[in-house]
Amino acid sequence: MSEDSTEYEMSDADVFSRGSLKLSYDLLRQANPSLALQVRNIISGEPLPKEGVDNTNKNSDHFRVTLDSFQVRAVVEGLMAYNQNEVLAKKQPGLAVMAKALMEDWIVLARKMVSELPAHQRP
């Protein structure tokens, strides 16, 4: 897919569902409120066009994440810290599993961003 293309695949690393972004916001809000707000602001934007699904169902909305690499790194670090908190994991094991899966989605985005860097800027 080209950079100019308005088409997208839900499997694109930089495309997140409304639920994923909302959960990211919820998990980051205590530790990093300003970053959490930036994640939440993505949801307030225009969702990507839908084809073949109910256009009125907000739960099927997807958004392209436009955060910079430092912000994406901070999201990953915030979710990692949440996952390492054993007290929270024991209180809500289901949420801990969802947080881990969400962290992996953000890591995939970070890897995509690194792969798109010019060769001389890659780590």
PDB file of N, CA and C in Angstrom:
ATOM      1  N   MET A   1       0.845  -1.168   0.000  1.00  0.00           N
ATOM      2  CA  MET A   1       0.000   0.000   0.000  1.00  0.00           C
ATOM      3  C   MET A   1       0.890   1.230   0.000  1.00  0.00           C
ATOM      4  N   SER A   2       0.538   2.214  -0.785  1.00  0.00           N
ATOM      5  CA  SER A   2       1.347   3.428  -0.864  1.00  0.00           C
ATOM      6  C   SER A   2       0.968   4.395   0.241  1.00  0.00           C
ATOM      7  N   GLU A   3       1.868   5.321   0.496  1.00  0.00           N
ATOM      8  CA  GLU A   3       1.625   6.329   1.529  1.00  0.00           C
ATOM      9  C   GLU A   3       0.423   7.193   1.180  1.00  0.00           C
ATOM     10  N   ASP A   4       0.184   7.400  -0.133  1.00  0.00           N
ATOM     11  CA  ASP A   4      -0.893   8.279  -0.569  1.00  0.00           C
ATOM     12  C   ASP A   4      -2.250   7.596  -0.548  1.00  0.00           C
ATOM     13  N   SER A   5      -2.249   6.309  -0.397  1.00  0.00           N
ATOM     14  CA  SER A   5      -3.483   5.548  -0.467  1.00  0.00           C
ATOM     15  C   SER A   5      -4.377   5.850   0.728  1.00  0.00           C
ATOM     16  N   THR A   6      -5.676   6.025   0.444  1.00  0.00           N
ATOM     17  CA  THR A   6      -6.628   6.220   1.524  1.00  0.00           C
ATOM     18  C   THR A   6      -7.202   4.870   1.952  1.00  0.00           C
ATOM     19  N   GLU A   7      -6.889   3.828   1.186  1.00  0.00           N
ATOM     20  CA  GLU A   7      -7.340   2.497   1.558  1.00  0.00           C
ATOM     21  C   GLU A   7      -6.479   1.990   2.701  1.00  0.00           C
ATOM     22  N   TYR A   8      -7.045   1.114   3.470  1.00  0.00           N
ATOM     23  CA  TYR A   8      -6.306   0.553   4.591  1.00  0.00           C
ATOM     24  C   TYR A   8      -6.785  -0.853   4.846  1.00  0.00           C
ATOM     25  N   GLU A   9      -5.968  -1.569   5.550  1.00  0.00           N
ATOM     26  CA  GLU A   9      -6.318  -2.901   6.025  1.00  0.00           C
ATOM     27  C   GLU A   9      -6.389  -2.807   7.543  1.00  0.00           C
ATOM     28  N   MET A  10      -7.353  -3.461   8.136  1.00  0.00           N
ATOM     29  CA  MET A  10      -7.434  -3.447   9.592  1.00  0.00           C
ATOM     30  C   MET A  10      -6.195  -4.095  10.207  1.00  0.00           C
ATOM     31  N   SER A  11      -5.456  -4.862   9.426  1.00  0.00           N
ATOM     32  CA  SER A  11      -4.239  -5.486   9.933  1.00  0.00           C
ATOM     33  C   SER A  11      -3.029  -4.555   9.818  1.00  0.00           C
ATOM     34  N   ASP A  12      -3.180  -3.380   9.226  1.00  0.00           N
ATOM     35  CA  ASP A  12      -2.075  -2.424   9.168  1.00  0.00           C
ATOM     36  C   ASP A  12      -1.632  -2.102  10.585  1.00  0.00           C
ATOM     37  N   ALA A  13      -0.334  -2.035  10.795  1.00  0.00           N
ATOM     38  CA  ALA A  13       0.212  -1.832  12.141  1.00  0.00           C
ATOM     39  C   ALA A  13      -0.234  -0.509  12.756  1.00  0.00           C
ATOM     40  N   ASP A  14      -0.481   0.493  11.928  1.00  0.00           N
ATOM     41  CA  ASP A  14      -0.850   1.800  12.463  1.00  0.00           C
ATOM     42  C   ASP A  14      -2.357   2.033  12.518  1.00  0.00           C
ATOM     43  N   VAL A  15      -3.145   0.985  12.313  1.00  0.00           N
ATOM     44  CA  VAL A  15      -4.607   1.079  12.396  1.00  0.00           C
ATOM     45  C   VAL A  15      -5.060   0.356  13.664  1.00  0.00           C
ATOM     46  N   PHE A  16      -5.703   1.118  14.546  1.00  0.00           N
ATOM     47  CA  PHE A  16      -6.180   0.582  15.819  1.00  0.00           C
ATOM     48  C   PHE A  16      -7.689   0.778  15.903  1.00  0.00           C
ATOM     49  N   SER A  17      -8.341  -0.146  16.579  1.00  0.00           N
ATOM     50  CA  SER A  17      -9.785  -0.038  16.785  1.00  0.00           C
ATOM     51  C   SER A  17     -10.081   0.981  17.884  1.00  0.00           C
ATOM     52  N   ARG A  18     -11.313   1.432  17.906  1.00  0.00           N
ATOM     53  CA  ARG A  18     -11.747   2.350  18.962  1.00  0.00           C
ATOM     54  C   ARG A  18     -11.512   1.716  20.339  1.00  0.00           C
ATOM     55  N   GLY A  19     -11.831   0.434  20.477  1.00  0.00           N
ATOM     56  CA  GLY A  19     -11.669  -0.256  21.758  1.00  0.00           C
ATOM     57  C   GLY A  19     -10.216  -0.332  22.201  1.00  0.00           C
ATOM     58  N   SER A  20      -9.312  -0.600  21.267  1.00  0.00           N
ATOM     59  CA  SER A  20      -7.887  -0.671  21.602  1.00  0.00           C
ATOM     60  C   SER A  20      -7.362   0.678  22.068  1.00  0.00           C
ATOM     61  N   LEU A  21      -7.762   1.728  21.385  1.00  0.00           N
ATOM     62  CA  LEU A  21      -7.309   3.069  21.773  1.00  0.00           C
ATOM     63  C   LEU A  21      -7.912   3.483  23.111  1.00  0.00           C
ATOM     64  N   LYS A  22      -9.170   3.131  23.334  1.00  0.00           N
ATOM     65  CA  LYS A  22      -9.821   3.468  24.604  1.00  0.00           C
ATOM     66  C   LYS A  22      -9.151   2.726  25.755  1.00  0.00           C
ATOM     67  N   LEU A  23      -8.850   1.443  25.564  1.00  0.00           N
ATOM     68  CA  LEU A  23      -8.176   0.675  26.605  1.00  0.00           C
ATOM     69  C   LEU A  23      -6.769   1.218  26.849  1.00  0.00           C
ATOM     70  N   SER A  24      -6.082   1.599  25.791  1.00  0.00           N
ATOM     71  CA  SER A  24      -4.751   2.206  25.950  1.00  0.00           C
ATOM     72  C   SER A  24      -4.857   3.458  26.807  1.00  0.00           C
ATOM     73  N   TYR A  25      -5.844   4.285  26.511  1.00  0.00           N
ATOM     74  CA  TYR A  25      -6.074   5.495  27.292  1.00  0.00           C
ATOM     75  C   TYR A  25      -6.310   5.150  28.768  1.00  0.00           C
ATOM     76  N   ASP A  26      -7.196   4.201  29.001  1.00  0.00           N
ATOM     77  CA  ASP A  26      -7.540   3.830  30.379  1.00  0.00           C
ATOM     78  C   ASP A  26      -6.335   3.324  31.158  1.00  0.00           C
ATOM     79  N   LEU A  27      -5.483   2.527  30.501  1.00  0.00           N
ATOM     80  CA  LEU A  27      -4.334   1.942  31.188  1.00  0.00           C
ATOM     81  C   LEU A  27      -3.202   2.949  31.401  1.00  0.00           C
ATOM     82  N   LEU A  28      -3.124   3.952  30.539  1.00  0.00           N
ATOM     83  CA  LEU A  28      -2.045   4.945  30.635  1.00  0.00           C
ATOM     84  C   LEU A  28      -2.418   6.159  31.476  1.00  0.00           C
ATOM     85  N   ARG A  29      -3.691   6.353  31.697  1.00  0.00           N
ATOM     86  CA  ARG A  29      -4.194   7.593  32.314  1.00  0.00           C
ATOM     87  C   ARG A  29      -3.551   7.918  33.651  1.00  0.00           C
ATOM     88  N   GLN A  30      -3.381   6.943  34.524  1.00  0.00           N
ATOM     89  CA  GLN A  30      -2.801   7.211  35.845  1.00  0.00           C
ATOM     90  C   GLN A  30      -1.323   7.568  35.762  1.00  0.00           C
ATOM     91  N   ALA A  31      -0.565   6.793  34.970  1.00  0.00           N
ATOM     92  CA  ALA A  31       0.893   6.959  34.924  1.00  0.00           C
ATOM     93  C   ALA A  31       1.336   8.126  34.048  1.00  0.00           C
ATOM     94  N   ASN A  32       0.619   8.383  32.956  1.00  0.00           N
ATOM     95  CA  ASN A  32       1.040   9.409  32.011  1.00  0.00           C
ATOM     96  C   ASN A  32      -0.194  10.079  31.407  1.00  0.00           C
ATOM     97  N   PRO A  33      -0.814  11.002  32.146  1.00  0.00           N
ATOM     98  CA  PRO A  33      -2.076  11.597  31.692  1.00  0.00           C
ATOM     99  C   PRO A  33      -1.983  12.330  30.354  1.00  0.00           C
ATOM    100  N   SER A  34      -0.874  13.015  30.094  1.00  0.00           N
ATOM    101  CA  SER A  34      -0.782  13.777  28.835  1.00  0.00           C
ATOM    102  C   SER A  34      -0.675  12.834  27.638  1.00  0.00           C
ATOM    103  N   LEU A  35       0.068  11.754  27.780  1.00  0.00           N
ATOM    104  CA  LEU A  35       0.154  10.777  26.703  1.00  0.00           C
ATOM    105  C   LEU A  35      -1.198  10.084  26.513  1.00  0.00           C
ATOM    106  N   ALA A  36      -1.844   9.745  27.607  1.00  0.00           N
ATOM    107  CA  ALA A  36      -3.165   9.120  27.535  1.00  0.00           C
ATOM    108  C   ALA A  36      -4.140  10.028  26.787  1.00  0.00           C
ATOM    109  N   LEU A  37      -4.066  11.313  27.035  1.00  0.00           N
ATOM    110  CA  LEU A  37      -4.936  12.269  26.351  1.00  0.00           C
ATOM    111  C   LEU A  37      -4.641  12.299  24.852  1.00  0.00           C
ATOM    112  N   GLN A  38      -3.381  12.212  24.478  1.00  0.00           N
ATOM    113  CA  GLN A  38      -3.030  12.186  23.052  1.00  0.00           C
ATOM    114  C   GLN A  38      -3.593  10.936  22.381  1.00  0.00           C
ATOM    115  N   VAL A  39      -3.562   9.820  23.086  1.00  0.00           N
ATOM    116  CA  VAL A  39      -4.146   8.593  22.551  1.00  0.00           C
ATOM    117  C   VAL A  39      -5.655   8.761  22.426  1.00  0.00           C
ATOM    118  N   ARG A  40      -6.290   9.327  23.439  1.00  0.00           N
ATOM    119  CA  ARG A  40      -7.740   9.518  23.393  1.00  0.00           C
ATOM    120  C   ARG A  40      -8.147  10.480  22.286  1.00  0.00           C
ATOM    121  N   ASN A  41      -7.308  11.473  22.014  1.00  0.00           N
ATOM    122  CA  ASN A  41      -7.627  12.441  20.968  1.00  0.00           C
ATOM    123  C   ASN A  41      -7.701  11.797  19.584  1.00  0.00           C
ATOM    124  N   ILE A  42      -7.016  10.678  19.394  1.00  0.00           N
ATOM    125  CA  ILE A  42      -7.097   9.972  18.115  1.00  0.00           C
ATOM    126  C   ILE A  42      -8.541   9.542  17.871  1.00  0.00           C
ATOM    127  N   ILE A  43      -9.212   9.107  18.925  1.00  0.00           N
ATOM    128  CA  ILE A  43     -10.595   8.633  18.818  1.00  0.00           C
ATOM    129  C   ILE A  43     -11.550   9.767  18.458  1.00  0.00           C
ATOM    130  N   SER A  44     -11.198  10.978  18.849  1.00  0.00           N
ATOM    131  CA  SER A  44     -12.093  12.103  18.555  1.00  0.00           C
ATOM    132  C   SER A  44     -11.999  12.546  17.098  1.00  0.00           C
ATOM    133  N   GLY A  45     -11.004  12.022  16.382  1.00  0.00           N
ATOM    134  CA  GLY A  45     -10.870  12.333  14.965  1.00  0.00           C
ATOM    135  C   GLY A  45     -11.849  11.541  14.126  1.00  0.00           C
ATOM    136  N   GLU A  46     -11.728  11.708  12.840  1.00  0.00           N
ATOM    137  CA  GLU A  46     -12.595  11.015  11.888  1.00  0.00           C
ATOM    138  C   GLU A  46     -12.124   9.562  11.732  1.00  0.00           C
ATOM    139  N   PRO A  47     -13.025   8.591  11.946  1.00  0.00           N
ATOM    140  CA  PRO A  47     -12.621   7.191  11.757  1.00  0.00           C
ATOM    141  C   PRO A  47     -12.346   6.904  10.276  1.00  0.00           C
ATOM    142  N   LEU A  48     -11.600   5.861  10.038  1.00  0.00           N
ATOM    143  CA  LEU A  48     -11.329   5.445   8.667  1.00  0.00           C
ATOM    144  C   LEU A  48     -12.626   4.962   8.031  1.00  0.00           C
ATOM    145  N   PRO A  49     -12.742   5.098   6.715  1.00  0.00           N
ATOM    146  CA  PRO A  49     -13.978   4.657   6.042  1.00  0.00           C
ATOM    147  C   PRO A  49     -14.215   3.165   6.244  1.00  0.00           C
ATOM    148  N   LYS A  50     -15.494   2.816   6.330  1.00  0.00           N
ATOM    149  CA  LYS A  50     -15.872   1.412   6.524  1.00  0.00           C
ATOM    150  C   LYS A  50     -16.514   0.893   5.249  1.00  0.00           C
ATOM    151  N   GLU A  51     -16.224  -0.354   4.969  1.00  0.00           N
ATOM    152  CA  GLU A  51     -16.876  -1.013   3.844  1.00  0.00           C
ATOM    153  C   GLU A  51     -17.435  -2.343   4.309  1.00  0.00           C
ATOM    154  N   GLY A  52     -18.674  -2.596   3.974  1.00  0.00           N
ATOM    155  CA  GLY A  52     -19.262  -3.891   4.267  1.00  0.00           C
ATOM    156  C   GLY A  52     -19.656  -4.112   5.717  1.00  0.00           C
ATOM    157  N   VAL A  53     -19.623  -3.078   6.543  1.00  0.00           N
ATOM    158  CA  VAL A  53     -20.052  -3.218   7.933  1.00  0.00           C
ATOM    159  C   VAL A  53     -21.048  -2.114   8.249  1.00  0.00           C
ATOM    160  N   ASP A  54     -21.702  -2.259   9.372  1.00  0.00           N
ATOM    161  CA  ASP A  54     -22.678  -1.265   9.817  1.00  0.00           C
ATOM    162  C   ASP A  54     -21.963   0.060  10.075  1.00  0.00           C
ATOM    163  N   ASN A  55     -22.244   1.051   9.256  1.00  0.00           N
ATOM    164  CA  ASN A  55     -21.567   2.348   9.374  1.00  0.00           C
ATOM    165  C   ASN A  55     -21.955   3.130  10.619  1.00  0.00           C
ATOM    166  N   THR A  56     -23.026   2.741  11.293  1.00  0.00           N
ATOM    167  CA  THR A  56     -23.455   3.490  12.473  1.00  0.00           C
ATOM    168  C   THR A  56     -22.908   2.910  13.770  1.00  0.00           C
ATOM    169  N   ASN A  57     -22.308   1.743  13.702  1.00  0.00           N
ATOM    170  CA  ASN A  57     -21.778   1.095  14.902  1.00  0.00           C
ATOM    171  C   ASN A  57     -20.401   1.662  15.225  1.00  0.00           C
ATOM    172  N   LYS A  58     -20.322   2.482  16.277  1.00  0.00           N
ATOM    173  CA  LYS A  58     -19.048   3.109  16.647  1.00  0.00           C
ATOM    174  C   LYS A  58     -18.013   2.085  17.091  1.00  0.00           C
ATOM    175  N   ASN A  59     -18.451   0.921  17.560  1.00  0.00           N
ATOM    176  CA  ASN A  59     -17.505  -0.105  18.001  1.00  0.00           C
ATOM    177  C   ASN A  59     -16.708  -0.696  16.847  1.00  0.00           C
ATOM    178  N   SER A  60     -17.173  -0.505  15.627  1.00  0.00           N
ATOM    179  CA  SER A  60     -16.435  -1.025  14.471  1.00  0.00           C
ATOM    180  C   SER A  60     -15.523   0.040  13.854  1.00  0.00           C
ATOM    181  N   ASP A  61     -15.392   1.192  14.526  1.00  0.00           N
ATOM    182  CA  ASP A  61     -14.526   2.265  14.025  1.00  0.00           C
ATOM    183  C   ASP A  61     -13.056   1.902  14.183  1.00  0.00           C
ATOM    184  N   HIS A  62     -12.268   2.306  13.209  1.00  0.00           N
ATOM    185  CA  HIS A  62     -10.814   2.145  13.253  1.00  0.00           C
ATOM    186  C   HIS A  62     -10.173   3.487  12.929  1.00  0.00           C
ATOM    187  N   PHE A  63      -9.021   3.718  13.512  1.00  0.00           N
ATOM    188  CA  PHE A  63      -8.325   4.995  13.367  1.00  0.00           C
ATOM    189  C   PHE A  63      -6.859   4.746  13.051  1.00  0.00           C
ATOM    190  N   ARG A  64      -6.297   5.633  12.244  1.00  0.00           N
ATOM    191  CA  ARG A  64      -4.861   5.563  11.970  1.00  0.00           C
ATOM    192  C   ARG A  64      -4.130   6.328  13.067  1.00  0.00           C
ATOM    193  N   VAL A  65      -3.159   5.673  13.695  1.00  0.00           N
ATOM    194  CA  VAL A  65      -2.380   6.281  14.772  1.00  0.00           C
ATOM    195  C   VAL A  65      -1.293   7.144  14.139  1.00  0.00           C
ATOM    196  N   THR A  66      -1.247   8.401  14.539  1.00  0.00           N
ATOM    197  CA  THR A  66      -0.284   9.339  13.963  1.00  0.00           C
ATOM    198  C   THR A  66       0.703   9.852  15.004  1.00  0.00           C
ATOM    199  N   LEU A  67       0.850   9.126  16.091  1.00  0.00           N
ATOM    200  CA  LEU A  67       1.805   9.531  17.117  1.00  0.00           C
ATOM    201  C   LEU A  67       3.224   9.375  16.580  1.00  0.00           C
ATOM    202  N   ASP A  68       4.152  10.147  17.127  1.00  0.00           N
ATOM    203  CA  ASP A  68       5.541   9.986  16.692  1.00  0.00           C
ATOM    204  C   ASP A  68       6.183   8.809  17.427  1.00  0.00           C
ATOM    205  N   SER A  69       7.389   8.466  17.027  1.00  0.00           N
ATOM    206  CA  SER A  69       8.041   7.271  17.564  1.00  0.00           C
ATOM    207  C   SER A  69       8.310   7.378  19.067  1.00  0.00           C
ATOM    208  N   PHE A  70       8.577   8.583  19.563  1.00  0.00           N
ATOM    209  CA  PHE A  70       8.808   8.749  20.999  1.00  0.00           C
ATOM    210  C   PHE A  70       7.525   8.511  21.788  1.00  0.00           C
ATOM    211  N   GLN A  71       6.402   8.951  21.242  1.00  0.00           N
ATOM    212  CA  GLN A  71       5.118   8.734  21.900  1.00  0.00           C
ATOM    213  C   GLN A  71       4.745   7.251  21.883  1.00  0.00           C
ATOM    214  N   VAL A  72       4.988   6.591  20.756  1.00  0.00           N
ATOM    215  CA  VAL A  72       4.693   5.158  20.661  1.00  0.00           C
ATOM    216  C   VAL A  72       5.556   4.396  21.662  1.00  0.00           C
ATOM    217  N   ARG A  73       6.818   4.783  21.769  1.00  0.00           N
ATOM    218  CA  ARG A  73       7.704   4.144  22.751  1.00  0.00           C
ATOM    219  C   ARG A  73       7.170   4.345  24.163  1.00  0.00           C
ATOM    220  N   ALA A  74       6.699   5.552  24.470  1.00  0.00           N
ATOM    221  CA  ALA A  74       6.162   5.836  25.801  1.00  0.00           C
ATOM    222  C   ALA A  74       4.901   5.012  26.070  1.00  0.00           C
ATOM    223  N   VAL A  75       4.084   4.800  25.050  1.00  0.00           N
ATOM    224  CA  VAL A  75       2.891   3.960  25.214  1.00  0.00           C
ATOM    225  C   VAL A  75       3.330   2.534  25.556  1.00  0.00           C
ATOM    226  N   VAL A  76       4.284   2.006  24.800  1.00  0.00           N
ATOM    227  CA  VAL A  76       4.776   0.645  25.057  1.00  0.00           C
ATOM    228  C   VAL A  76       5.340   0.549  26.472  1.00  0.00           C
ATOM    229  N   GLU A  77       6.137   1.533  26.869  1.00  0.00           N
ATOM    230  CA  GLU A  77       6.724   1.516  28.212  1.00  0.00           C
ATOM    231  C   GLU A  77       5.646   1.595  29.291  1.00  0.00           C
ATOM    232  N   GLY A  78       4.619   2.412  29.050  1.00  0.00           N
ATOM    233  CA  GLY A  78       3.526   2.526  30.015  1.00  0.00           C
ATOM    234  C   GLY A  78       2.753   1.227  30.158  1.00  0.00           C
ATOM    235  N   LEU A  79       2.483   0.582  29.034  1.00  0.00           N
ATOM    236  CA  LEU A  79       1.773  -0.697  29.079  1.00  0.00           C
ATOM    237  C   LEU A  79       2.645  -1.787  29.687  1.00  0.00           C
ATOM    238  N   MET A  80       3.943  -1.707  29.430  1.00  0.00           N
ATOM    239  CA  MET A  80       4.876  -2.665  30.026  1.00  0.00           C
ATOM    240  C   MET A  80       4.876  -2.520  31.548  1.00  0.00           C
ATOM    241  N   ALA A  81       4.914  -1.294  32.020  1.00  0.00           N
ATOM    242  CA  ALA A  81       4.893  -1.044  33.466  1.00  0.00           C
ATOM    243  C   ALA A  81       3.596  -1.570  34.066  1.00  0.00           C
ATOM    244  N   TYR A  82       2.481  -1.361  33.369  1.00  0.00           N
ATOM    245  CA  TYR A  82       1.200  -1.878  33.855  1.00  0.00           C
ATOM    246  C   TYR A  82       1.256  -3.402  33.950  1.00  0.00           C
ATOM    247  N   ASN A  83       1.809  -4.044  32.922  1.00  0.00           N
ATOM    248  CA  ASN A  83       1.886  -5.511  32.898  1.00  0.00           C
ATOM    249  C   ASN A  83       2.812  -6.060  33.969  1.00  0.00           C
ATOM    250  N   GLN A  84       3.788  -5.283  34.393  1.00  0.00           N
ATOM    251  CA  GLN A  84       4.738  -5.745  35.400  1.00  0.00           C
ATOM    252  C   GLN A  84       4.235  -5.535  36.825  1.00  0.00           C
ATOM    253  N   ASN A  85       3.124  -4.853  36.971  1.00  0.00           N
ATOM    254  CA  ASN A  85       2.554  -4.621  38.289  1.00  0.00           C
ATOM    255  C   ASN A  85       1.762  -5.861  38.708  1.00  0.00           C
ATOM    256  N   GLU A  86       2.371  -6.694  39.529  1.00  0.00           N
ATOM    257  CA  GLU A  86       1.763  -7.969  39.913  1.00  0.00           C
ATOM    258  C   GLU A  86       0.482  -7.797  40.714  1.00  0.00           C
ATOM    259  N   VAL A  87       0.379  -6.735  41.491  1.00  0.00           N
ATOM    260  CA  VAL A  87      -0.829  -6.500  42.283  1.00  0.00           C
ATOM    261  C   VAL A  87      -2.024  -6.291  41.352  1.00  0.00           C
ATOM    262  N   LEU A  88      -1.836  -5.430  40.330  1.00  0.00           N
ATOM    263  CA  LEU A  88      -2.920  -5.185  39.377  1.00  0.00           C
ATOM    264  C   LEU A  88      -3.261  -6.449  38.600  1.00  0.00           C
ATOM    265  N   ALA A  89      -2.237  -7.203  38.211  1.00  0.00           N
ATOM    266  CA  ALA A  89      -2.469  -8.426  37.442  1.00  0.00           C
ATOM    267  C   ALA A  89      -3.278  -9.443  38.248  1.00  0.00           C
ATOM    268  N   LYS A  90      -3.038  -9.520  39.551  1.00  0.00           N
ATOM    269  CA  LYS A  90      -3.787 -10.457  40.390  1.00  0.00           C
ATOM    270  C   LYS A  90      -5.212  -9.983  40.639  1.00  0.00           C
ATOM    271  N   LYS A  91      -5.400  -8.665  40.716  1.00  0.00           N
ATOM    272  CA  LYS A  91      -6.742  -8.118  40.934  1.00  0.00           C
ATOM    273  C   LYS A  91      -7.631  -8.316  39.713  1.00  0.00           C
ATOM    274  N   GLN A  92      -7.062  -8.102  38.536  1.00  0.00           N
ATOM    275  CA  GLN A  92      -7.836  -8.179  37.296  1.00  0.00           C
ATOM    276  C   GLN A  92      -7.043  -8.959  36.247  1.00  0.00           C
ATOM    277  N   PRO A  93      -7.008 -10.274  36.367  1.00  0.00           N
ATOM    278  CA  PRO A  93      -6.194 -11.064  35.435  1.00  0.00           C
ATOM    279  C   PRO A  93      -6.640 -10.932  33.975  1.00  0.00           C
ATOM    280  N   GLY A  94      -7.917 -10.782  33.742  1.00  0.00           N
ATOM    281  CA  GLY A  94      -8.408 -10.629  32.372  1.00  0.00           C
ATOM    282  C   GLY A  94      -7.905  -9.342  31.741  1.00  0.00           C
ATOM    283  N   LEU A  95      -7.906  -8.274  32.527  1.00  0.00           N
ATOM    284  CA  LEU A  95      -7.408  -6.989  32.031  1.00  0.00           C
ATOM    285  C   LEU A  95      -5.914  -7.057  31.769  1.00  0.00           C
ATOM    286  N   ALA A  96      -5.194  -7.795  32.601  1.00  0.00           N
ATOM    287  CA  ALA A  96      -3.745  -7.947  32.406  1.00  0.00           C
ATOM    288  C   ALA A  96      -3.449  -8.658  31.080  1.00  0.00           C
ATOM    289  N   VAL A  97      -4.251  -9.660  30.744  1.00  0.00           N
ATOM    290  CA  VAL A  97      -4.082 -10.372  29.474  1.00  0.00           C
ATOM    291  C   VAL A  97      -4.370  -9.431  28.309  1.00  0.00           C
ATOM    292  N   MET A  98      -5.430  -8.657  28.421  1.00  0.00           N
ATOM    293  CA  MET A  98      -5.767  -7.699  27.359  1.00  0.00           C
ATOM    294  C   MET A  98      -4.684  -6.634  27.227  1.00  0.00           C
ATOM    295  N   ALA A  99      -4.129  -6.194  28.344  1.00  0.00           N
ATOM    296  CA  ALA A  99      -3.067  -5.184  28.317  1.00  0.00           C
ATOM    297  C   ALA A  99      -1.828  -5.736  27.622  1.00  0.00           C
ATOM    298  N   LYS A 100      -1.530  -7.008  27.843  1.00  0.00           N
ATOM    299  CA  LYS A 100      -0.368  -7.617  27.199  1.00  0.00           C
ATOM    300  C   LYS A 100      -0.572  -7.691  25.686  1.00  0.00           C
ATOM    301  N   ALA A 101      -1.752  -8.104  25.260  1.00  0.00           N
ATOM    302  CA  ALA A 101      -2.050  -8.171  23.828  1.00  0.00           C
ATOM    303  C   ALA A 101      -1.998  -6.779  23.203  1.00  0.00           C
ATOM    304  N   LEU A 102      -2.506  -5.800  23.924  1.00  0.00           N
ATOM    305  CA  LEU A 102      -2.489  -4.418  23.446  1.00  0.00           C
ATOM    306  C   LEU A 102      -1.053  -3.919  23.321  1.00  0.00           C
ATOM    307  N   MET A 103      -0.223  -4.243  24.300  1.00  0.00           N
ATOM    308  CA  MET A 103       1.183  -3.845  24.257  1.00  0.00           C
ATOM    309  C   MET A 103       1.848  -4.440  23.012  1.00  0.00           C
ATOM    310  N   GLU A 104       1.521  -5.673  22.687  1.00  0.00           N
ATOM    311  CA  GLU A 104       2.100  -6.311  21.500  1.00  0.00           C
ATOM    312  C   GLU A 104       1.686  -5.586  20.225  1.00  0.00           C
ATOM    313  N   ASP A 105       0.445  -5.084  20.165  1.00  0.00           N
ATOM    314  CA  ASP A 105       0.002  -4.305  19.000  1.00  0.00           C
ATOM    315  C   ASP A 105       0.822  -3.019  18.859  1.00  0.00           C
ATOM    316  N   TRP A 106       1.084  -2.364  19.983  1.00  0.00           N
ATOM    317  CA  TRP A 106       1.878  -1.130  19.950  1.00  0.00           C
ATOM    318  C   TRP A 106       3.328  -1.439  19.569  1.00  0.00           C
ATOM    319  N   ILE A 107       3.844  -2.588  19.987  1.00  0.00           N
ATOM    320  CA  ILE A 107       5.205  -2.986  19.616  1.00  0.00           C
ATOM    321  C   ILE A 107       5.285  -3.219  18.107  1.00  0.00           C
ATOM    322  N   VAL A 108       4.268  -3.816  17.532  1.00  0.00           N
ATOM    323  CA  VAL A 108       4.235  -4.027  16.080  1.00  0.00           C
ATOM    324  C   VAL A 108       4.287  -2.672  15.371  1.00  0.00           C
ATOM    325  N   LEU A 109       3.553  -1.688  15.880  1.00  0.00           N
ATOM    326  CA  LEU A 109       3.598  -0.347  15.293  1.00  0.00           C
ATOM    327  C   LEU A 109       5.003   0.237  15.420  1.00  0.00           C
ATOM    328  N   ALA A 110       5.623   0.076  16.574  1.00  0.00           N
ATOM    329  CA  ALA A 110       6.977   0.606  16.771  1.00  0.00           C
ATOM    330  C   ALA A 110       7.949  -0.037  15.783  1.00  0.00           C
ATOM    331  N   ARG A 111       7.836  -1.334  15.585  1.00  0.00           N
ATOM    332  CA  ARG A 111       8.712  -2.021  14.624  1.00  0.00           C
ATOM    333  C   ARG A 111       8.487  -1.507  13.214  1.00  0.00           C
ATOM    334  N   LYS A 112       7.236  -1.254  12.866  1.00  0.00           N
ATOM    335  CA  LYS A 112       6.930  -0.711  11.538  1.00  0.00           C
ATOM    336  C   LYS A 112       7.594   0.651  11.375  1.00  0.00           C
ATOM    337  N   MET A 113       7.510   1.472  12.412  1.00  0.00           N
ATOM    338  CA  MET A 113       8.100   2.804  12.342  1.00  0.00           C
ATOM    339  C   MET A 113       9.619   2.715  12.169  1.00  0.00           C
ATOM    340  N   VAL A 114      10.248   1.782  12.862  1.00  0.00           N
ATOM    341  CA  VAL A 114      11.704   1.605  12.738  1.00  0.00           C
ATOM    342  C   VAL A 114      12.048   1.126  11.333  1.00  0.00           C
ATOM    343  N   SER A 115      11.251   0.202  10.800  1.00  0.00           N
ATOM    344  CA  SER A 115      11.537  -0.339   9.466  1.00  0.00           C
ATOM    345  C   SER A 115      11.396   0.715   8.375  1.00  0.00           C
ATOM    346  N   GLU A 116      10.608   1.746   8.625  1.00  0.00           N
ATOM    347  CA  GLU A 116      10.407   2.811   7.640  1.00  0.00           C
ATOM    348  C   GLU A 116      11.470   3.901   7.718  1.00  0.00           C
ATOM    349  N   LEU A 117      12.332   3.832   8.717  1.00  0.00           N
ATOM    350  CA  LEU A 117      13.415   4.810   8.826  1.00  0.00           C
ATOM    351  C   LEU A 117      14.443   4.575   7.714  1.00  0.00           C
ATOM    352  N   PRO A 118      15.109   5.643   7.279  1.00  0.00           N
ATOM    353  CA  PRO A 118      16.211   5.442   6.334  1.00  0.00           C
ATOM    354  C   PRO A 118      17.271   4.552   6.993  1.00  0.00           C
ATOM    355  N   ALA A 119      17.982   3.786   6.200  1.00  0.00           N
ATOM    356  CA  ALA A 119      18.942   2.803   6.711  1.00  0.00           C
ATOM    357  C   ALA A 119      19.947   3.410   7.687  1.00  0.00           C
ATOM    358  N   HIS A 120      20.390   4.634   7.446  1.00  0.00           N
ATOM    359  CA  HIS A 120      21.396   5.238   8.311  1.00  0.00           C
ATOM    360  C   HIS A 120      20.836   5.687   9.661  1.00  0.00           C
ATOM    361  N   GLN A 121      19.507   5.683   9.819  1.00  0.00           N
ATOM    362  CA  GLN A 121      18.890   6.084  11.084  1.00  0.00           C
ATOM    363  C   GLN A 121      18.385   4.914  11.900  1.00  0.00           C
ATOM    364  N   ARG A 122      18.437   3.716  11.360  1.00  0.00           N
ATOM    365  CA  ARG A 122      17.932   2.534  12.062  1.00  0.00           C
ATOM    366  C   ARG A 122      18.881   2.134  13.182  1.00  0.00           C
ATOM    367  N   PRO A 123      18.309   1.620  14.263  1.00  0.00           N
ATOM    368  CA  PRO A 123      19.162   1.164  15.369  1.00  0.00           C
ATOM    369  C   PRO A 123      19.944  -0.078  15.012  1.00  0.00           C
TER     370      PRO A 123
END
